[in-house]
């Protein structure tokens, strides 16, 4: 399982603060939990998470660049059965490369959303949403810089209800007049479909050197 070490708050600070300090700490723990699970899905860990896998659709001609034609080939490499829930994912530095890719009429292939990221996506490539995954590899020799496909079909996560559990105690640290907050969660995940022939997720692999 996942566990957050105790966070100790001075009760005087909790009582005198002009805002909900405990609520802020609880929200921060929940955000940290989401980031931890997201990292475990992308990279795997030594415990209950196996990293998400994507079939390498093609290798770029350059180790440090991505061409327009390679993006087109990545799109067409996906099994059409998974097109209905397709998303591109990459880290922020890879997005910087994509922002400079133009089609034959000098139009950018990336079109940004102007919603302040409230949708959870940064924009679209060829009409498909783009999700930023900060835990993916960037554009470098031999790395898988872009995933494309149905991520939900490609990976199964099991989270024991109700997910993250936050607990508070003022008894253990009573002599310090402190409130302790701890968090626990049980979760795990692994790729759903092992087949590389009909994979719901394909990726662009940078040239080895």
Protein backbone atom coordinates (compact mmCIF):
# COMPACT_ATOMS: atom_id res chain seq x y z
CA UNK A 1 0.00 0.00 0.00
CA UNK A 2 0.85 3.68 -0.14
CA UNK A 3 1.44 5.69 3.00
CA UNK A 4 2.11 9.32 3.85
CA UNK A 5 4.35 9.96 6.85
CA UNK A 6 2.67 11.94 9.67
CA UNK A 7 2.35 15.66 9.07
CA UNK A 8 2.33 17.53 12.39
CA UNK A 9 0.48 20.82 12.78
CA UNK A 10 0.80 23.02 15.85
CA UNK A 11 -2.68 23.37 17.32
CA UNK A 12 -2.03 27.03 18.09
CA UNK A 13 -1.41 27.63 14.39
CA UNK A 14 -4.54 25.65 13.45
CA UNK A 15 -6.64 27.70 15.88
CA UNK A 16 -5.18 31.11 15.00
CA UNK A 17 -4.90 30.78 11.23
CA UNK A 18 -7.43 32.81 9.30
CA UNK A 19 -7.97 29.97 6.85
CA UNK A 20 -8.67 26.24 6.84
CA UNK A 21 -5.12 24.96 7.37
CA UNK A 22 -6.20 21.35 7.89
CA UNK A 23 -8.25 21.46 4.68
CA UNK A 24 -5.27 22.80 2.73
CA UNK A 25 -3.01 20.03 4.06
CA UNK A 26 -5.62 17.37 3.24
CA UNK A 27 -5.97 18.70 -0.32
CA UNK A 28 -2.18 18.72 -0.75
CA UNK A 29 -1.94 15.10 0.39
CA UNK A 30 -4.62 14.08 -2.10
CA UNK A 31 -2.76 15.84 -4.93
CA UNK A 32 0.46 14.11 -3.90
CA UNK A 33 -1.34 10.77 -3.97
CA UNK A 34 -2.58 11.39 -7.51
CA UNK A 35 0.92 12.35 -8.67
CA UNK A 36 2.42 9.27 -7.00
CA UNK A 37 -0.07 6.94 -8.69
CA UNK A 38 0.42 8.71 -12.04
CA UNK A 39 4.19 8.24 -11.79
CA UNK A 40 3.75 4.57 -10.85
CA UNK A 41 1.49 3.96 -13.86
CA UNK A 42 4.00 5.55 -16.25
CA UNK A 43 7.24 4.21 -14.79
CA UNK A 44 6.15 1.28 -12.63
CA UNK A 45 7.49 0.65 -9.15
CA UNK A 46 8.87 -2.17 -7.05
CA UNK A 47 5.51 -2.81 -5.42
CA UNK A 48 2.08 -3.15 -7.04
CA UNK A 49 2.38 -1.18 -10.29
CA UNK A 50 3.66 -2.46 -13.64
CA UNK A 51 4.45 0.36 -16.06
CA UNK A 52 2.01 1.05 -18.88
CA UNK A 53 3.23 -0.40 -22.16
CA UNK A 54 2.84 0.80 -25.73
CA UNK A 55 3.75 -0.93 -28.97
CA UNK A 56 6.49 0.91 -30.83
CA UNK A 57 4.85 1.95 -34.10
CA UNK A 58 7.91 3.48 -35.73
CA UNK A 59 11.35 4.91 -35.05
CA UNK A 60 12.17 8.49 -35.90
CA UNK A 61 14.87 9.36 -38.42
CA UNK A 62 16.56 11.60 -35.84
CA UNK A 63 17.35 11.00 -32.19
CA UNK A 64 16.61 14.62 -31.32
CA UNK A 65 13.75 15.66 -33.63
CA UNK A 66 10.24 14.67 -34.70
CA UNK A 67 9.02 15.17 -38.27
CA UNK A 68 5.52 15.86 -39.56
CA UNK A 69 5.39 12.60 -41.50
CA UNK A 70 6.34 10.63 -38.39
CA UNK A 71 3.39 12.09 -36.49
CA UNK A 72 1.09 11.12 -39.36
CA UNK A 73 2.47 7.58 -39.37
CA UNK A 74 1.95 7.31 -35.61
CA UNK A 75 -1.70 8.26 -36.03
CA UNK A 76 -2.31 5.70 -38.77
CA UNK A 77 -0.50 2.92 -36.86
CA UNK A 78 -3.24 2.65 -34.23
CA UNK A 79 -5.88 -0.07 -34.59
CA UNK A 80 -9.08 1.80 -35.64
CA UNK A 81 -11.03 -0.10 -32.98
CA UNK A 82 -9.45 2.18 -30.36
CA UNK A 83 -9.90 5.48 -32.19
CA UNK A 84 -13.01 6.50 -30.25
CA UNK A 85 -11.20 7.21 -26.99
CA UNK A 86 -7.80 8.17 -28.32
CA UNK A 87 -5.44 10.63 -26.62
CA UNK A 88 -1.83 11.63 -27.26
CA UNK A 89 0.41 11.81 -24.20
CA UNK A 90 3.86 13.33 -23.80
CA UNK A 91 5.84 15.38 -21.33
CA UNK A 92 6.14 19.13 -21.46
CA UNK A 93 9.54 19.20 -23.13
CA UNK A 94 8.29 16.94 -25.93
CA UNK A 95 5.35 19.28 -26.41
CA UNK A 96 7.93 21.98 -27.07
CA UNK A 97 9.16 19.97 -30.07
CA UNK A 98 5.62 19.33 -31.29
CA UNK A 99 4.79 23.04 -31.13
CA UNK A 100 7.35 23.59 -33.90
CA UNK A 101 5.99 20.94 -36.28
CA UNK A 102 4.20 22.42 -39.30
CA UNK A 103 2.27 20.78 -42.10
CA UNK A 104 2.91 21.39 -45.81
CA UNK A 105 1.02 24.69 -45.64
CA UNK A 106 3.06 25.95 -42.67
CA UNK A 107 0.20 25.37 -40.23
CA UNK A 108 1.03 24.02 -36.75
CA UNK A 109 -0.27 20.53 -36.09
CA UNK A 110 -0.82 21.39 -32.42
CA UNK A 111 -3.85 23.55 -31.67
CA UNK A 112 -3.98 24.76 -28.04
CA UNK A 113 -7.09 24.86 -25.90
CA UNK A 114 -7.93 28.22 -24.37
CA UNK A 115 -9.73 26.88 -21.30
CA UNK A 116 -6.91 27.25 -18.79
CA UNK A 117 -6.47 23.45 -18.79
CA UNK A 118 -9.82 22.96 -17.03
CA UNK A 119 -10.58 20.16 -19.50
CA UNK A 120 -7.45 18.30 -18.38
CA UNK A 121 -5.94 18.57 -21.87
CA UNK A 122 -3.58 21.13 -23.41
CA UNK A 123 -4.89 21.05 -26.96
CA UNK A 124 -5.19 18.73 -29.96
CA UNK A 125 -3.00 17.10 -32.60
CA UNK A 126 -4.90 16.07 -35.74
CA UNK A 127 -8.10 16.55 -33.73
CA UNK A 128 -7.10 14.22 -30.88
CA UNK A 129 -6.64 15.60 -27.33
CA UNK A 130 -3.16 15.93 -25.86
CA UNK A 131 -2.45 15.01 -22.24
CA UNK A 132 0.72 16.09 -20.47
CA UNK A 133 2.41 13.27 -18.57
CA UNK A 134 5.42 14.72 -16.70
CA UNK A 135 6.76 11.25 -15.95
CA UNK A 136 7.28 10.19 -19.58
CA UNK A 137 10.65 10.24 -21.30
CA UNK A 138 11.52 13.22 -23.43
CA UNK A 139 12.98 13.46 -26.92
CA UNK A 140 16.29 11.62 -26.58
CA UNK A 141 18.06 8.69 -28.20
CA UNK A 142 16.11 5.44 -27.86
CA UNK A 143 13.32 6.95 -25.76
CA UNK A 144 9.57 6.60 -26.26
CA UNK A 145 8.57 10.25 -26.36
CA UNK A 146 4.91 10.12 -27.48
CA UNK A 147 2.11 7.66 -26.77
CA UNK A 148 -1.05 7.57 -28.88
CA UNK A 149 -4.19 5.53 -28.32
CA UNK A 150 -6.80 4.48 -25.80
CA UNK A 151 -4.98 4.71 -22.46
CA UNK A 152 -8.01 3.49 -20.51
CA UNK A 153 -8.16 0.29 -22.58
CA UNK A 154 -4.41 -0.20 -22.27
CA UNK A 155 -4.19 -0.14 -18.48
CA UNK A 156 -6.17 -1.44 -15.53
CA UNK A 157 -5.81 0.15 -12.11
CA UNK A 158 -7.24 -1.36 -8.96
CA UNK A 159 -7.92 0.99 -6.09
CA UNK A 160 -9.38 -0.40 -2.88
CA UNK A 161 -12.38 1.74 -1.95
CA UNK A 162 -12.57 4.50 -0.94
CA UNK A 163 -9.10 5.23 -2.31
CA UNK A 164 -6.94 7.46 -0.15
CA UNK A 165 -7.93 7.52 3.53
CA UNK A 166 -6.98 10.54 5.65
CA UNK A 167 -6.79 10.17 9.42
CA UNK A 168 -6.20 12.78 12.13
CA UNK A 169 -5.04 12.32 15.69
CA UNK A 170 -4.30 14.75 18.49
CA UNK A 171 -3.63 12.05 21.08
CA UNK A 172 -0.30 10.64 19.98
CA UNK A 173 1.36 14.05 20.02
CA UNK A 174 -0.70 15.50 22.88
CA UNK A 175 2.36 16.53 24.91
CA UNK A 176 3.48 18.67 21.94
CA UNK A 177 0.01 20.16 21.42
CA UNK A 178 0.12 19.03 17.81
CA UNK A 179 -2.37 17.54 15.39
CA UNK A 180 -1.08 14.66 13.29
CA UNK A 181 -2.41 13.88 9.80
CA UNK A 182 -1.59 10.61 8.04
CA UNK A 183 -2.85 9.05 4.81
CA UNK A 184 -3.15 5.48 3.57
CA UNK A 185 -4.16 3.93 0.26
CA UNK A 186 -4.15 0.54 -1.42
CA UNK A 187 -3.76 0.60 -5.18
CA UNK A 188 -2.05 -1.22 -8.01
CA UNK A 189 -2.19 -1.62 -11.76
CA UNK A 190 -0.81 -3.32 -14.84
CA UNK A 191 -1.25 -3.30 -18.66
CA UNK A 192 -4.59 -4.78 -19.69
CA UNK A 193 -3.80 -6.12 -23.15
CA UNK A 194 -0.50 -7.88 -23.78
CA UNK A 195 -0.95 -8.26 -27.55
CA UNK A 196 1.31 -6.09 -29.69
CA UNK A 197 -0.70 -6.89 -32.81
CA UNK A 198 -3.90 -5.22 -31.63
CA UNK A 199 -2.48 -2.90 -29.05
CA UNK A 200 -4.71 -0.04 -27.85
CA UNK A 201 -1.61 2.09 -27.40
CA UNK A 202 1.24 2.82 -29.83
CA UNK A 203 4.27 5.01 -29.39
CA UNK A 204 6.91 6.95 -31.25
CA UNK A 205 10.45 5.79 -30.46
CA UNK A 206 13.38 8.11 -31.02
CA UNK A 207 16.29 6.84 -33.09
CA UNK A 208 18.89 5.12 -30.91
CA UNK A 209 21.74 7.40 -31.94
